[in-house]
Every structure is written in C-alpha cells, then in structure tokens.
C-alpha cells in the first residue's frame, strides 16, 4: 500500500485524534517512510529461516505439577468468619 493510499484523516478519526493540517502532512510523510521501509524488508531473503513467535526462545520457569499433602479442611476453615457444611460463607456480590 502506497503512502498516497492512506487516508490520514480517517486513521486519525479511528484513533480519536484531532490533527491540524500541518500534523496531517507530517504524519502522511512519516507513514510513507514506514511503508517504504516495510517494502524494503520484503526484499530480504528469509528462505531457510524458521518462523518464530519470539525473537528468543522462552523457557517456562514454573515448577512441575506434583501431588503434595494439603491442608486439612477443618484447618482451612478454622479462621473463617462464617462456614456451613465445610464451605466458606461469603457475602453475595452479584445481584
């Protein structure tokens, strides 16, 4: 898409921006430069480059899931302000 095809007023409207005529002209020029650079990037030979989602490989640092002993139900409910049938009683927040 060439810079001439970009409707700067429409894009500014979508972004809820009010631009002066001078700002529209400057933005149009800048968008044109950005699009020219993108066209230049399309010329790069990327054959043999594996697609990636991130520039660097990510490693999950969470611990593995393991079954461990948990707190007894009575102990968990000991400091609760209100309980019923082995459950916490909480104020209603949805009407």
PDB file of N, CA and C in Angstrom:
ATOM      1  N   UNK A   1       0.841  -1.167   0.000  1.00  0.00           N
ATOM      2  CA  UNK A   1       0.000   0.000   0.000  1.00  0.00           C
ATOM      3  C   UNK A   1       0.891   1.236   0.000  1.00  0.00           C
ATOM      4  N   UNK A   2       0.688   2.098  -0.951  1.00  0.00           N
ATOM      5  CA  UNK A   2       1.489   3.313  -1.053  1.00  0.00           C
ATOM      6  C   UNK A   2       0.999   4.345  -0.052  1.00  0.00           C
ATOM      7  N   UNK A   3       1.864   5.281   0.278  1.00  0.00           N
ATOM      8  CA  UNK A   3       1.513   6.305   1.255  1.00  0.00           C
ATOM      9  C   UNK A   3       0.341   7.143   0.767  1.00  0.00           C
ATOM     10  N   UNK A   4       0.219   7.310  -0.543  1.00  0.00           N
ATOM     11  CA  UNK A   4      -0.870   8.098  -1.097  1.00  0.00           C
ATOM     12  C   UNK A   4      -2.220   7.441  -0.834  1.00  0.00           C
ATOM     13  N   UNK A   5      -2.226   6.126  -0.626  1.00  0.00           N
ATOM     14  CA  UNK A   5      -3.474   5.408  -0.399  1.00  0.00           C
ATOM     15  C   UNK A   5      -3.958   5.504   1.041  1.00  0.00           C
ATOM     16  N   UNK A   6      -3.130   6.010   1.936  1.00  0.00           N
ATOM     17  CA  UNK A   6      -3.514   6.108   3.343  1.00  0.00           C
ATOM     18  C   UNK A   6      -4.317   7.383   3.547  1.00  0.00           C
ATOM     19  N   UNK A   7      -5.516   7.232   4.078  1.00  0.00           N
ATOM     20  CA  UNK A   7      -6.349   8.384   4.400  1.00  0.00           C
ATOM     21  C   UNK A   7      -6.026   8.790   5.836  1.00  0.00           C
ATOM     22  N   UNK A   8      -5.150   9.759   5.991  1.00  0.00           N
ATOM     23  CA  UNK A   8      -4.662  10.166   7.305  1.00  0.00           C
ATOM     24  C   UNK A   8      -5.810  10.690   8.170  1.00  0.00           C
ATOM     25  N   UNK A   9      -6.746  11.406   7.572  1.00  0.00           N
ATOM     26  CA  UNK A   9      -7.883  11.925   8.349  1.00  0.00           C
ATOM     27  C   UNK A   9      -8.717  10.775   8.904  1.00  0.00           C
ATOM     28  N   UNK A  10      -8.911   9.732   8.115  1.00  0.00           N
ATOM     29  CA  UNK A  10      -9.693   8.578   8.559  1.00  0.00           C
ATOM     30  C   UNK A  10      -8.974   7.838   9.685  1.00  0.00           C
ATOM     31  N   UNK A  11      -7.679   7.636   9.523  1.00  0.00           N
ATOM     32  CA  UNK A  11      -6.896   6.958  10.553  1.00  0.00           C
ATOM     33  C   UNK A  11      -6.906   7.781  11.846  1.00  0.00           C
ATOM     34  N   UNK A  12      -6.772   9.092  11.743  1.00  0.00           N
ATOM     35  CA  UNK A  12      -6.813   9.963  12.918  1.00  0.00           C
ATOM     36  C   UNK A  12      -8.184   9.872  13.596  1.00  0.00           C
ATOM     37  N   UNK A  13      -9.244   9.805  12.791  1.00  0.00           N
ATOM     38  CA  UNK A  13     -10.594   9.665  13.351  1.00  0.00           C
ATOM     39  C   UNK A  13     -10.722   8.354  14.129  1.00  0.00           C
ATOM     40  N   UNK A  14     -10.217   7.256  13.553  1.00  0.00           N
ATOM     41  CA  UNK A  14     -10.273   5.961  14.232  1.00  0.00           C
ATOM     42  C   UNK A  14      -9.509   5.997  15.553  1.00  0.00           C
ATOM     43  N   UNK A  15      -8.398   6.737  15.575  1.00  0.00           N
ATOM     44  CA  UNK A  15      -7.572   6.833  16.780  1.00  0.00           C
ATOM     45  C   UNK A  15      -8.059   7.931  17.722  1.00  0.00           C
ATOM     46  N   UNK A  16      -9.179   8.561  17.376  1.00  0.00           N
ATOM     47  CA  UNK A  16      -9.757   9.649  18.170  1.00  0.00           C
ATOM     48  C   UNK A  16      -8.764  10.791  18.358  1.00  0.00           C
ATOM     49  N   UNK A  17      -8.082  11.155  17.259  1.00  0.00           N
ATOM     50  CA  UNK A  17      -7.110  12.240  17.279  1.00  0.00           C
ATOM     51  C   UNK A  17      -7.618  13.406  16.450  1.00  0.00           C
ATOM     52  N   UNK A  18      -7.335  14.598  16.911  1.00  0.00           N
ATOM     53  CA  UNK A  18      -7.628  15.793  16.132  1.00  0.00           C
ATOM     54  C   UNK A  18      -6.288  16.343  15.656  1.00  0.00           C
ATOM     55  N   UNK A  19      -6.098  16.365  14.338  1.00  0.00           N
ATOM     56  CA  UNK A  19      -4.824  16.800  13.772  1.00  0.00           C
ATOM     57  C   UNK A  19      -5.006  18.087  12.988  1.00  0.00           C
ATOM     58  N   UNK A  20      -4.022  18.961  13.077  1.00  0.00           N
ATOM     59  CA  UNK A  20      -4.015  20.155  12.237  1.00  0.00           C
ATOM     60  C   UNK A  20      -3.560  19.746  10.842  1.00  0.00           C
ATOM     61  N   UNK A  21      -3.713  20.636   9.887  1.00  0.00           N
ATOM     62  CA  UNK A  21      -3.296  20.344   8.513  1.00  0.00           C
ATOM     63  C   UNK A  21      -1.794  20.060   8.461  1.00  0.00           C
ATOM     64  N   UNK A  22      -1.024  20.795   9.246  1.00  0.00           N
ATOM     65  CA  UNK A  22       0.429  20.590   9.291  1.00  0.00           C
ATOM     66  C   UNK A  22       0.762  19.201   9.854  1.00  0.00           C
ATOM     67  N   UNK A  23       0.047  18.800  10.916  1.00  0.00           N
ATOM     68  CA  UNK A  23       0.272  17.484  11.514  1.00  0.00           C
ATOM     69  C   UNK A  23      -0.129  16.366  10.549  1.00  0.00           C
ATOM     70  N   UNK A  24      -1.228  16.574   9.806  1.00  0.00           N
ATOM     71  CA  UNK A  24      -1.650  15.575   8.821  1.00  0.00           C
ATOM     72  C   UNK A  24      -0.589  15.390   7.744  1.00  0.00           C
ATOM     73  N   UNK A  25      -0.019  16.490   7.282  1.00  0.00           N
ATOM     74  CA  UNK A  25       1.023  16.431   6.257  1.00  0.00           C
ATOM     75  C   UNK A  25       2.253  15.696   6.787  1.00  0.00           C
ATOM     76  N   UNK A  26       2.667  16.027   8.015  1.00  0.00           N
ATOM     77  CA  UNK A  26       3.835  15.394   8.619  1.00  0.00           C
ATOM     78  C   UNK A  26       3.591  13.901   8.831  1.00  0.00           C
ATOM     79  N   UNK A  27       2.408  13.539   9.332  1.00  0.00           N
ATOM     80  CA  UNK A  27       2.082  12.143   9.571  1.00  0.00           C
ATOM     81  C   UNK A  27       2.021  11.362   8.260  1.00  0.00           C
ATOM     82  N   UNK A  28       1.481  11.968   7.233  1.00  0.00           N
ATOM     83  CA  UNK A  28       1.422  11.313   5.933  1.00  0.00           C
ATOM     84  C   UNK A  28       2.824  11.000   5.420  1.00  0.00           C
ATOM     85  N   UNK A  29       3.735  11.938   5.596  1.00  0.00           N
ATOM     86  CA  UNK A  29       5.121  11.729   5.180  1.00  0.00           C
ATOM     87  C   UNK A  29       5.769  10.612   5.996  1.00  0.00           C
ATOM     88  N   UNK A  30       5.545  10.611   7.300  1.00  0.00           N
ATOM     89  CA  UNK A  30       6.124   9.590   8.165  1.00  0.00           C
ATOM     90  C   UNK A  30       5.568   8.203   7.842  1.00  0.00           C
ATOM     91  N   UNK A  31       4.264   8.122   7.607  1.00  0.00           N
ATOM     92  CA  UNK A  31       3.667   6.833   7.245  1.00  0.00           C
ATOM     93  C   UNK A  31       4.226   6.336   5.914  1.00  0.00           C
ATOM     94  N   UNK A  32       4.459   7.258   4.992  1.00  0.00           N
ATOM     95  CA  UNK A  32       5.063   6.884   3.714  1.00  0.00           C
ATOM     96  C   UNK A  32       6.451   6.297   3.911  1.00  0.00           C
ATOM     97  N   UNK A  33       7.241   6.900   4.792  1.00  0.00           N
ATOM     98  CA  UNK A  33       8.585   6.384   5.084  1.00  0.00           C
ATOM     99  C   UNK A  33       8.513   4.997   5.715  1.00  0.00           C
ATOM    100  N   UNK A  34       7.556   4.800   6.614  1.00  0.00           N
ATOM    101  CA  UNK A  34       7.396   3.494   7.262  1.00  0.00           C
ATOM    102  C   UNK A  34       7.031   2.435   6.229  1.00  0.00           C
ATOM    103  N   UNK A  35       6.100   2.754   5.345  1.00  0.00           N
ATOM    104  CA  UNK A  35       5.689   1.786   4.330  1.00  0.00           C
ATOM    105  C   UNK A  35       6.816   1.489   3.341  1.00  0.00           C
ATOM    106  N   UNK A  36       7.619   2.498   3.011  1.00  0.00           N
ATOM    107  CA  UNK A  36       8.774   2.265   2.142  1.00  0.00           C
ATOM    108  C   UNK A  36       9.758   1.304   2.811  1.00  0.00           C
ATOM    109  N   UNK A  37       9.957   1.461   4.124  1.00  0.00           N
ATOM    110  CA  UNK A  37      10.866   0.576   4.857  1.00  0.00           C
ATOM    111  C   UNK A  37      10.316  -0.849   4.878  1.00  0.00           C
ATOM    112  N   UNK A  38       9.032  -0.993   5.037  1.00  0.00           N
ATOM    113  CA  UNK A  38       8.419  -2.325   5.039  1.00  0.00           C
ATOM    114  C   UNK A  38       8.600  -2.985   3.677  1.00  0.00           C
ATOM    115  N   UNK A  39       8.457  -2.226   2.617  1.00  0.00           N
ATOM    116  CA  UNK A  39       8.689  -2.774   1.272  1.00  0.00           C
ATOM    117  C   UNK A  39      10.137  -3.233   1.118  1.00  0.00           C
ATOM    118  N   UNK A  40      11.069  -2.478   1.711  1.00  0.00           N
ATOM    119  CA  UNK A  40      12.478  -2.849   1.654  1.00  0.00           C
ATOM    120  C   UNK A  40      12.707  -4.159   2.413  1.00  0.00           C
ATOM    121  N   UNK A  41      12.023  -4.336   3.557  1.00  0.00           N
ATOM    122  CA  UNK A  41      12.167  -5.566   4.331  1.00  0.00           C
ATOM    123  C   UNK A  41      11.653  -6.787   3.562  1.00  0.00           C
ATOM    124  N   UNK A  42      10.670  -6.578   2.705  1.00  0.00           N
ATOM    125  CA  UNK A  42      10.126  -7.687   1.927  1.00  0.00           C
ATOM    126  C   UNK A  42      11.159  -8.266   0.966  1.00  0.00           C
ATOM    127  N   UNK A  43      12.192  -7.505   0.650  1.00  0.00           N
ATOM    128  CA  UNK A  43      13.237  -7.966  -0.263  1.00  0.00           C
ATOM    129  C   UNK A  43      14.236  -8.903   0.418  1.00  0.00           C
ATOM    130  N   UNK A  44      14.218  -8.966   1.734  1.00  0.00           N
ATOM    131  CA  UNK A  44      15.177  -9.795   2.465  1.00  0.00           C
ATOM    132  C   UNK A  44      14.935 -11.275   2.175  1.00  0.00           C
ATOM    133  N   UNK A  45      16.027 -12.012   1.989  1.00  0.00           N
ATOM    134  CA  UNK A  45      15.939 -13.449   1.739  1.00  0.00           C
ATOM    135  C   UNK A  45      15.764 -14.161   3.074  1.00  0.00           C
ATOM    136  N   UNK A  46      14.583 -14.736   3.277  1.00  0.00           N
ATOM    137  CA  UNK A  46      14.298 -15.425   4.528  1.00  0.00           C
ATOM    138  C   UNK A  46      14.110 -16.923   4.303  1.00  0.00           C
ATOM    139  N   UNK A  47      14.565 -17.403   3.142  1.00  0.00           N
ATOM    140  CA  UNK A  47      14.495 -18.835   2.878  1.00  0.00           C
ATOM    141  C   UNK A  47      15.392 -19.550   3.887  1.00  0.00           C
ATOM    142  N   UNK A  48      14.890 -20.570   4.499  1.00  0.00           N
ATOM    143  CA  UNK A  48      15.668 -21.313   5.473  1.00  0.00           C
ATOM    144  C   UNK A  48      15.600 -20.741   6.872  1.00  0.00           C
ATOM    145  N   UNK A  49      14.877 -19.652   7.062  1.00  0.00           N
ATOM    146  CA  UNK A  49      14.725 -19.081   8.396  1.00  0.00           C
ATOM    147  C   UNK A  49      13.438 -19.645   8.990  1.00  0.00           C
ATOM    148  N   UNK A  50      13.578 -20.294  10.127  1.00  0.00           N
ATOM    149  CA  UNK A  50      12.426 -20.922  10.763  1.00  0.00           C
ATOM    150  C   UNK A  50      11.516 -19.857  11.365  1.00  0.00           C
ATOM    151  N   UNK A  51      10.197 -19.936  11.104  1.00  0.00           N
ATOM    152  CA  UNK A  51       9.283 -18.963  11.707  1.00  0.00           C
ATOM    153  C   UNK A  51       9.293 -19.083  13.229  1.00  0.00           C
ATOM    154  N   UNK A  52       9.219 -17.955  13.912  1.00  0.00           N
ATOM    155  CA  UNK A  52       9.211 -17.956  15.368  1.00  0.00           C
ATOM    156  C   UNK A  52       8.146 -16.998  15.874  1.00  0.00           C
ATOM    157  N   UNK A  53       7.701 -17.227  17.083  1.00  0.00           N
ATOM    158  CA  UNK A  53       6.757 -16.325  17.722  1.00  0.00           C
ATOM    159  C   UNK A  53       7.500 -15.280  18.554  1.00  0.00           C
ATOM    160  N   UNK A  54       8.720 -15.606  18.976  1.00  0.00           N
ATOM    161  CA  UNK A  54       9.521 -14.705  19.792  1.00  0.00           C
ATOM    162  C   UNK A  54      10.950 -14.677  19.245  1.00  0.00           C
ATOM    163  N   UNK A  55      11.609 -13.562  19.461  1.00  0.00           N
ATOM    164  CA  UNK A  55      12.980 -13.431  18.985  1.00  0.00           C
ATOM    165  C   UNK A  55      13.924 -14.374  19.729  1.00  0.00           C
ATOM    166  N   UNK A  56      13.634 -14.620  20.998  1.00  0.00           N
ATOM    167  CA  UNK A  56      14.457 -15.504  21.813  1.00  0.00           C
ATOM    168  C   UNK A  56      13.585 -16.631  22.349  1.00  0.00           C
ATOM    169  N   UNK A  57      14.120 -17.834  22.442  1.00  0.00           N
ATOM    170  CA  UNK A  57      13.313 -18.937  22.974  1.00  0.00           C
ATOM    171  C   UNK A  57      12.920 -18.667  24.434  1.00  0.00           C
ATOM    172  N   UNK A  58      11.679 -18.981  24.743  1.00  0.00           N
ATOM    173  CA  UNK A  58      11.193 -18.791  26.102  1.00  0.00           C
ATOM    174  C   UNK A  58      11.216 -20.116  26.842  1.00  0.00           C
ATOM    175  N   UNK A  59      11.569 -20.065  28.103  1.00  0.00           N
ATOM    176  CA  UNK A  59      11.604 -21.254  28.935  1.00  0.00           C
ATOM    177  C   UNK A  59      10.655 -21.026  30.103  1.00  0.00           C
ATOM    178  N   UNK A  60       9.775 -21.972  30.332  1.00  0.00           N
ATOM    179  CA  UNK A  60       8.840 -21.860  31.432  1.00  0.00           C
ATOM    180  C   UNK A  60       9.573 -22.132  32.740  1.00  0.00           C
ATOM    181  N   UNK A  61       9.463 -21.210  33.686  1.00  0.00           N
ATOM    182  CA  UNK A  61      10.203 -21.350  34.937  1.00  0.00           C
ATOM    183  C   UNK A  61       9.321 -21.828  36.084  1.00  0.00           C
ATOM    184  N   UNK A  62       8.119 -22.289  35.775  1.00  0.00           N
ATOM    185  CA  UNK A  62       7.246 -22.763  36.842  1.00  0.00           C
ATOM    186  C   UNK A  62       7.662 -24.163  37.279  1.00  0.00           C
ATOM    187  N   UNK A  63       7.284 -24.513  38.468  1.00  0.00           N
ATOM    188  CA  UNK A  63       7.627 -25.829  38.993  1.00  0.00           C
ATOM    189  C   UNK A  63       6.729 -26.876  38.339  1.00  0.00           C
ATOM    190  N   UNK A  64       7.165 -28.104  38.271  1.00  0.00           N
ATOM    191  CA  UNK A  64       6.312 -29.164  37.720  1.00  0.00           C
ATOM    192  C   UNK A  64       5.168 -29.470  38.685  1.00  0.00           C
ATOM    193  N   UNK A  65       4.043 -29.910  38.128  1.00  0.00           N
ATOM    194  CA  UNK A  65       2.903 -30.289  38.967  1.00  0.00           C
ATOM    195  C   UNK A  65       3.227 -31.591  39.685  1.00  0.00           C
ATOM    196  N   UNK A  66       3.102 -31.559  40.996  1.00  0.00           N
ATOM    197  CA  UNK A  66       3.347 -32.742  41.805  1.00  0.00           C
ATOM    198  C   UNK A  66       2.264 -32.833  42.869  1.00  0.00           C
ATOM    199  N   UNK A  67       1.838 -34.018  43.155  1.00  0.00           N
ATOM    200  CA  UNK A  67       0.879 -34.221  44.228  1.00  0.00           C
ATOM    201  C   UNK A  67       1.599 -34.084  45.556  1.00  0.00           C
ATOM    202  N   UNK A  68       1.060 -33.213  46.413  1.00  0.00           N
ATOM    203  CA  UNK A  68       1.649 -32.998  47.742  1.00  0.00           C
ATOM    204  C   UNK A  68       0.531 -32.984  48.774  1.00  0.00           C
ATOM    205  N   UNK A  69       0.847 -33.261  50.021  1.00  0.00           N
ATOM    206  CA  UNK A  69      -0.190 -33.198  51.051  1.00  0.00           C
ATOM    207  C   UNK A  69      -0.717 -31.775  51.179  1.00  0.00           C
ATOM    208  N   UNK A  70      -2.015 -31.646  51.387  1.00  0.00           N
ATOM    209  CA  UNK A  70      -2.605 -30.314  51.515  1.00  0.00           C
ATOM    210  C   UNK A  70      -3.126 -30.106  52.925  1.00  0.00           C
ATOM    211  N   UNK A  71      -3.587 -28.904  53.190  1.00  0.00           N
ATOM    212  CA  UNK A  71      -4.105 -28.534  54.493  1.00  0.00           C
ATOM    213  C   UNK A  71      -5.455 -29.236  54.709  1.00  0.00           C
ATOM    214  N   UNK A  72      -5.703 -29.679  55.886  1.00  0.00           N
ATOM    215  CA  UNK A  72      -6.989 -30.313  56.200  1.00  0.00           C
ATOM    216  C   UNK A  72      -8.105 -29.281  56.108  1.00  0.00           C
ATOM    217  N   UNK A  73      -9.289 -29.732  55.706  1.00  0.00           N
ATOM    218  CA  UNK A  73     -10.428 -28.826  55.550  1.00  0.00           C
ATOM    219  C   UNK A  73     -10.762 -28.079  56.820  1.00  0.00           C
ATOM    220  N   UNK A  74     -10.747 -28.778  57.957  1.00  0.00           N
ATOM    221  CA  UNK A  74     -11.056 -28.130  59.238  1.00  0.00           C
ATOM    222  C   UNK A  74     -10.038 -27.029  59.551  1.00  0.00           C
ATOM    223  N   UNK A  75      -8.773 -27.281  59.241  1.00  0.00           N
ATOM    224  CA  UNK A  75      -7.726 -26.285  59.496  1.00  0.00           C
ATOM    225  C   UNK A  75      -7.917 -25.061  58.602  1.00  0.00           C
ATOM    226  N   UNK A  76      -8.293 -25.273  57.331  1.00  0.00           N
ATOM    227  CA  UNK A  76      -8.509 -24.156  56.410  1.00  0.00           C
ATOM    228  C   UNK A  76      -9.689 -23.305  56.854  1.00  0.00           C
ATOM    229  N   UNK A  77     -10.720 -23.923  57.427  1.00  0.00           N
ATOM    230  CA  UNK A  77     -11.922 -23.198  57.840  1.00  0.00           C
ATOM    231  C   UNK A  77     -11.817 -22.610  59.249  1.00  0.00           C
ATOM    232  N   UNK A  78     -10.762 -22.904  59.958  1.00  0.00           N
ATOM    233  CA  UNK A  78     -10.630 -22.507  61.362  1.00  0.00           C
ATOM    234  C   UNK A  78     -10.792 -20.996  61.566  1.00  0.00           C
ATOM    235  N   UNK A  79     -10.187 -20.163  60.730  1.00  0.00           N
ATOM    236  CA  UNK A  79     -10.248 -18.708  60.906  1.00  0.00           C
ATOM    237  C   UNK A  79     -11.309 -18.039  60.041  1.00  0.00           C
ATOM    238  N   UNK A  80     -12.137 -18.806  59.362  1.00  0.00           N
ATOM    239  CA  UNK A  80     -13.179 -18.220  58.516  1.00  0.00           C
ATOM    240  C   UNK A  80     -14.246 -17.568  59.381  1.00  0.00           C
ATOM    241  N   UNK A  81     -14.732 -16.377  58.983  1.00  0.00           N
ATOM    242  CA  UNK A  81     -15.765 -15.721  59.786  1.00  0.00           C
ATOM    243  C   UNK A  81     -17.078 -16.499  59.800  1.00  0.00           C
ATOM    244  N   UNK A  82     -17.400 -17.207  58.687  1.00  0.00           N
ATOM    245  CA  UNK A  82     -18.643 -17.981  58.648  1.00  0.00           C
ATOM    246  C   UNK A  82     -18.431 -19.207  57.763  1.00  0.00           C
ATOM    247  N   UNK A  83     -18.964 -20.344  58.224  1.00  0.00           N
ATOM    248  CA  UNK A  83     -18.864 -21.585  57.445  1.00  0.00           C
ATOM    249  C   UNK A  83     -20.188 -22.325  57.524  1.00  0.00           C
ATOM    250  N   UNK A  84     -20.402 -23.201  56.548  1.00  0.00           N
ATOM    251  CA  UNK A  84     -21.586 -24.060  56.559  1.00  0.00           C
ATOM    252  C   UNK A  84     -21.283 -25.281  55.718  1.00  0.00           C
ATOM    253  N   UNK A  85     -21.481 -26.460  56.264  1.00  0.00           N
ATOM    254  CA  UNK A  85     -21.279 -27.699  55.520  1.00  0.00           C
ATOM    255  C   UNK A  85     -19.864 -27.864  55.000  1.00  0.00           C
ATOM    256  N   UNK A  86     -18.866 -27.364  55.728  1.00  0.00           N
ATOM    257  CA  UNK A  86     -17.484 -27.498  55.304  1.00  0.00           C
ATOM    258  C   UNK A  86     -17.075 -26.520  54.216  1.00  0.00           C
ATOM    259  N   UNK A  87     -17.850 -25.439  54.025  1.00  0.00           N
ATOM    260  CA  UNK A  87     -17.566 -24.437  52.997  1.00  0.00           C
ATOM    261  C   UNK A  87     -17.475 -23.050  53.633  1.00  0.00           C
ATOM    262  N   UNK A  88     -16.775 -22.140  52.965  1.00  0.00           N
ATOM    263  CA  UNK A  88     -16.716 -20.740  53.390  1.00  0.00           C
ATOM    264  C   UNK A  88     -18.042 -20.074  53.025  1.00  0.00           C
ATOM    265  N   UNK A  89     -18.552 -19.232  53.899  1.00  0.00           N
ATOM    266  CA  UNK A  89     -19.717 -18.402  53.595  1.00  0.00           C
ATOM    267  C   UNK A  89     -19.177 -17.000  53.308  1.00  0.00           C
ATOM    268  N   UNK A  90     -19.529 -16.467  52.116  1.00  0.00           N
ATOM    269  CA  UNK A  90     -19.055 -15.132  51.722  1.00  0.00           C
ATOM    270  C   UNK A  90     -20.245 -14.273  51.355  1.00  0.00           C
ATOM    271  N   UNK A  91     -20.083 -12.947  51.433  1.00  0.00           N
ATOM    272  CA  UNK A  91     -21.208 -12.057  51.063  1.00  0.00           C
ATOM    273  C   UNK A  91     -21.521 -12.186  49.569  1.00  0.00           C
ATOM    274  N   UNK A  92     -22.801 -12.045  49.247  1.00  0.00           N
ATOM    275  CA  UNK A  92     -23.247 -12.084  47.856  1.00  0.00           C
ATOM    276  C   UNK A  92     -22.753 -10.813  47.166  1.00  0.00           C
ATOM    277  N   UNK A  93     -22.116 -10.963  46.004  1.00  0.00           N
ATOM    278  CA  UNK A  93     -21.600  -9.786  45.301  1.00  0.00           C
ATOM    279  C   UNK A  93     -22.274  -9.579  43.952  1.00  0.00           C
ATOM    280  N   UNK A  94     -23.096 -10.521  43.508  1.00  0.00           N
ATOM    281  CA  UNK A  94     -23.796 -10.411  42.236  1.00  0.00           C
ATOM    282  C   UNK A  94     -25.283 -10.364  42.517  1.00  0.00           C
ATOM    283  N   UNK A  95     -25.959  -9.427  41.918  1.00  0.00           N
ATOM    284  CA  UNK A  95     -27.405  -9.345  42.126  1.00  0.00           C
ATOM    285  C   UNK A  95     -28.156  -9.910  40.953  1.00  0.00           C
TER     286      UNK A  95
END
